[in-house]
Amino acid sequence: MNSKTQKTLQWYVITGGPSSGKTTLLNELALSGFHVVPEAARVLIDRYNTQGISTQELRKDEGKFQKKALRIKLETEKKTPKDRVVFFDRGVPDSIAYYEICDLDIKELMKISKGRYAKIFFLEQLPFEKDYARTECEETVEKLNDKLKKTYIELGYSVVDIPVGSVEERLKRIFIEIE
């Protein structure tokens, strides 16, 4: 992306720890007519699950899994419209936090993570609930929450905290910020 594209992009990231309400919020944004990009990790898990490969098997090497998820994020962004408002379920910088948890090298990832998005919406954590794709323990969820927010701030992004509340309250806060 060149600097001219970066200044005009209306790409926003919805992020936060696992089970913070990202998917629910993004589903509502999609129903409101916004272009929404699903979480790469879930896309990857769903793809493999339909082939008979379990989430546990896919994630047994978490570092390898995170590298695959990052590739999907980058490929998806190449195809994402640059002339409309877009909401991403996790951005490329989210991978930095996951890479750190897996003790993977983040140097190259730091370079490509700057200046990709207009604003970051960080959702406060809801009570943690495991599902077919969320395999993290609560301790890892806490670490991820801290690392995710710090990563975006360190990269110079404008991070807007979205407190726990109803979907409508959270949407209202986001709409105020993108006007």
Protein backbone atom coordinates (compact mmCIF):
# COMPACT_ATOMS: atom_id res chain seq x y z
CA MET A 1 0.00 0.00 0.00
CA ASN A 2 1.31 3.44 -0.82
CA SER A 3 0.90 6.46 1.43
CA LYS A 4 -1.87 7.96 -0.74
CA THR A 5 -3.95 4.76 -0.40
CA GLN A 6 -3.30 4.62 3.34
CA LYS A 7 -4.69 8.12 3.90
CA THR A 8 -7.96 7.43 2.06
CA LEU A 9 -8.71 3.90 3.25
CA GLN A 10 -11.77 3.52 5.42
CA TRP A 11 -10.72 0.16 6.78
CA TYR A 12 -11.54 -0.49 10.42
CA VAL A 13 -10.58 -3.38 12.68
CA ILE A 14 -12.77 -4.92 15.34
CA THR A 15 -10.44 -6.68 17.76
CA GLY A 16 -10.21 -7.99 21.30
CA GLY A 17 -9.58 -11.29 22.98
CA PRO A 18 -11.38 -14.48 22.08
CA SER A 19 -15.01 -14.29 23.21
CA SER A 20 -15.20 -10.49 23.29
CA GLY A 21 -18.19 -10.25 20.96
CA LYS A 22 -16.39 -9.52 17.69
CA THR A 23 -18.35 -11.94 15.52
CA THR A 24 -21.73 -10.85 16.90
CA LEU A 25 -20.87 -7.19 16.31
CA LEU A 26 -19.54 -7.85 12.81
CA ASN A 27 -22.66 -9.82 11.90
CA GLU A 28 -24.73 -6.77 12.88
CA LEU A 29 -22.48 -4.49 10.83
CA ALA A 30 -22.99 -6.79 7.83
CA LEU A 31 -26.77 -6.68 8.35
CA SER A 32 -26.47 -2.88 8.32
CA GLY A 33 -24.94 -3.08 4.84
CA PHE A 34 -21.25 -2.73 5.65
CA HIS A 35 -18.57 -4.81 3.97
CA VAL A 36 -17.27 -7.20 6.63
CA VAL A 37 -14.22 -9.49 6.46
CA PRO A 38 -14.42 -12.58 8.69
CA GLU A 39 -11.67 -13.72 11.02
CA ALA A 40 -8.96 -15.55 9.07
CA ALA A 41 -8.44 -18.14 11.81
CA ARG A 42 -12.12 -19.15 11.72
CA VAL A 43 -12.07 -19.27 7.91
CA LEU A 44 -9.07 -21.58 8.14
CA ILE A 45 -10.64 -23.76 10.84
CA ASP A 46 -13.94 -24.02 8.95
CA ARG A 47 -12.11 -24.95 5.74
CA TYR A 48 -10.20 -27.77 7.44
CA ASN A 49 -13.18 -28.96 9.49
CA THR A 50 -15.18 -29.50 6.27
CA GLN A 51 -12.30 -31.72 5.10
CA GLY A 52 -12.58 -33.82 8.27
CA ILE A 53 -9.57 -32.27 10.04
CA SER A 54 -10.41 -31.29 13.62
CA THR A 55 -9.58 -27.94 15.16
CA GLN A 56 -7.34 -29.69 17.69
CA GLU A 57 -5.41 -31.45 14.93
CA LEU A 58 -5.10 -28.23 12.93
CA ARG A 59 -3.91 -26.25 15.96
CA LYS A 60 -1.55 -28.86 17.42
CA ASP A 61 1.28 -26.73 16.00
CA GLU A 62 -0.06 -23.30 16.94
CA GLY A 63 2.83 -21.45 15.29
CA LYS A 64 2.18 -23.14 11.95
CA PHE A 65 -1.55 -22.43 12.35
CA GLN A 66 -0.89 -18.72 13.01
CA LYS A 67 1.34 -18.46 9.94
CA LYS A 68 -1.44 -19.94 7.79
CA ALA A 69 -3.98 -17.52 9.30
CA LEU A 70 -1.69 -14.57 8.53
CA ARG A 71 -1.36 -15.67 4.89
CA ILE A 72 -5.16 -15.71 4.62
CA LYS A 73 -5.37 -12.20 6.16
CA LEU A 74 -2.85 -10.83 3.68
CA GLU A 75 -4.45 -12.55 0.68
CA THR A 76 -7.89 -11.32 1.74
CA GLU A 77 -6.73 -7.73 2.15
CA LYS A 78 -5.33 -7.74 -1.40
CA LYS A 79 -8.87 -8.50 -2.65
CA THR A 80 -10.72 -6.15 -0.28
CA PRO A 81 -12.26 -3.01 -1.80
CA LYS A 82 -10.21 0.07 -1.08
CA ASP A 83 -12.99 2.50 -1.96
CA ARG A 84 -15.55 1.57 0.69
CA VAL A 85 -15.94 1.27 4.43
CA VAL A 86 -14.71 -2.16 5.52
CA PHE A 87 -14.71 -3.80 8.95
CA PHE A 88 -12.21 -6.58 9.61
CA ASP A 89 -12.60 -9.24 12.27
CA ARG A 90 -8.99 -8.88 13.43
CA GLY A 91 -6.30 -7.08 11.46
CA VAL A 92 -2.81 -8.07 10.43
CA PRO A 93 -1.35 -6.64 13.69
CA ASP A 94 -3.42 -9.16 15.67
CA SER A 95 -1.03 -11.76 14.31
CA ILE A 96 1.82 -10.06 16.17
CA ALA A 97 0.17 -10.84 19.51
CA TYR A 98 -0.47 -14.44 18.48
CA TYR A 99 3.08 -14.79 17.12
CA GLU A 100 4.45 -13.52 20.46
CA ILE A 101 2.38 -16.09 22.37
CA CYS A 102 3.89 -18.77 20.09
CA ASP A 103 7.45 -17.35 20.39
CA LEU A 104 7.62 -16.64 16.65
CA ASP A 105 9.73 -13.86 15.10
CA ILE A 106 7.69 -10.67 14.64
CA LYS A 107 10.25 -8.37 12.93
CA GLU A 108 8.88 -8.63 9.39
CA LEU A 109 5.32 -8.62 10.67
CA MET A 110 5.94 -5.33 12.50
CA LYS A 111 7.07 -3.71 9.24
CA ILE A 112 4.00 -4.71 7.24
CA SER A 113 1.52 -3.94 10.02
CA LYS A 114 1.81 -0.15 10.10
CA GLY A 115 -0.65 2.20 8.42
CA ARG A 116 -3.12 -0.38 7.13
CA TYR A 117 -6.27 0.78 8.93
CA ALA A 118 -8.10 4.02 9.73
CA LYS A 119 -9.06 3.08 13.28
CA ILE A 120 -9.06 0.14 15.66
CA PHE A 121 -12.03 -0.78 17.85
CA PHE A 122 -10.92 -2.78 20.87
CA LEU A 123 -13.74 -4.72 22.51
CA GLU A 124 -13.60 -5.27 26.24
CA GLN A 125 -13.64 -8.93 27.18
CA LEU A 126 -16.94 -10.72 27.79
CA PRO A 127 -17.07 -13.88 29.92
CA PHE A 128 -14.94 -16.47 28.11
CA GLU A 129 -16.80 -19.25 26.37
CA LYS A 130 -15.05 -22.00 24.45
CA ASP A 131 -16.44 -23.13 21.13
CA TYR A 132 -15.22 -25.29 18.26
CA ALA A 133 -12.65 -22.68 17.21
CA ARG A 134 -11.63 -21.12 20.54
CA THR A 135 -9.08 -23.44 22.06
CA GLU A 136 -7.24 -20.90 24.22
CA CYS A 137 -7.28 -21.20 27.98
CA GLU A 138 -8.37 -18.20 30.09
CA GLU A 139 -4.75 -17.34 30.95
CA THR A 140 -3.88 -17.10 27.24
CA VAL A 141 -6.99 -14.98 26.62
CA GLU A 142 -5.79 -12.49 29.26
CA LYS A 143 -2.31 -12.36 27.70
CA LEU A 144 -3.81 -11.86 24.25
CA ASN A 145 -6.01 -9.01 25.45
CA ASP A 146 -2.99 -7.16 26.80
CA LYS A 147 -0.79 -7.90 23.80
CA LEU A 148 -3.44 -7.02 21.19
CA LYS A 149 -4.09 -3.56 22.54
CA LYS A 150 -0.40 -2.80 23.21
CA THR A 151 0.53 -3.93 19.69
CA TYR A 152 -1.88 -1.56 17.96
CA ILE A 153 -0.84 1.34 20.20
CA GLU A 154 2.88 0.64 19.59
CA LEU A 155 2.20 0.65 15.84
CA GLY A 156 0.68 4.13 16.13
CA TYR A 157 -2.96 3.27 15.54
CA SER A 158 -5.88 5.15 17.02
CA VAL A 159 -7.43 2.58 19.38
CA VAL A 160 -10.98 3.14 20.59
CA ASP A 161 -12.08 1.12 23.61
CA ILE A 162 -15.54 -0.35 23.26
CA PRO A 163 -16.86 -1.27 26.70
CA VAL A 164 -19.01 -4.26 27.48
CA GLY A 165 -22.58 -3.43 26.60
CA SER A 166 -25.41 -4.42 24.32
CA VAL A 167 -24.70 -4.86 20.63
CA GLU A 168 -26.67 -1.68 19.98
CA GLU A 169 -24.56 0.31 22.47
CA ARG A 170 -21.36 -1.00 20.94
CA LEU A 171 -22.55 -0.21 17.41
CA LYS A 172 -23.56 3.31 18.43
CA ARG A 173 -20.04 3.94 19.77
CA ILE A 174 -18.49 2.68 16.52
CA PHE A 175 -20.82 4.77 14.33
CA ILE A 176 -19.92 7.90 16.32
CA GLU A 177 -16.23 7.20 15.69
CA ILE A 178 -16.47 6.63 11.92
CA GLU A 179 -18.59 9.71 11.13
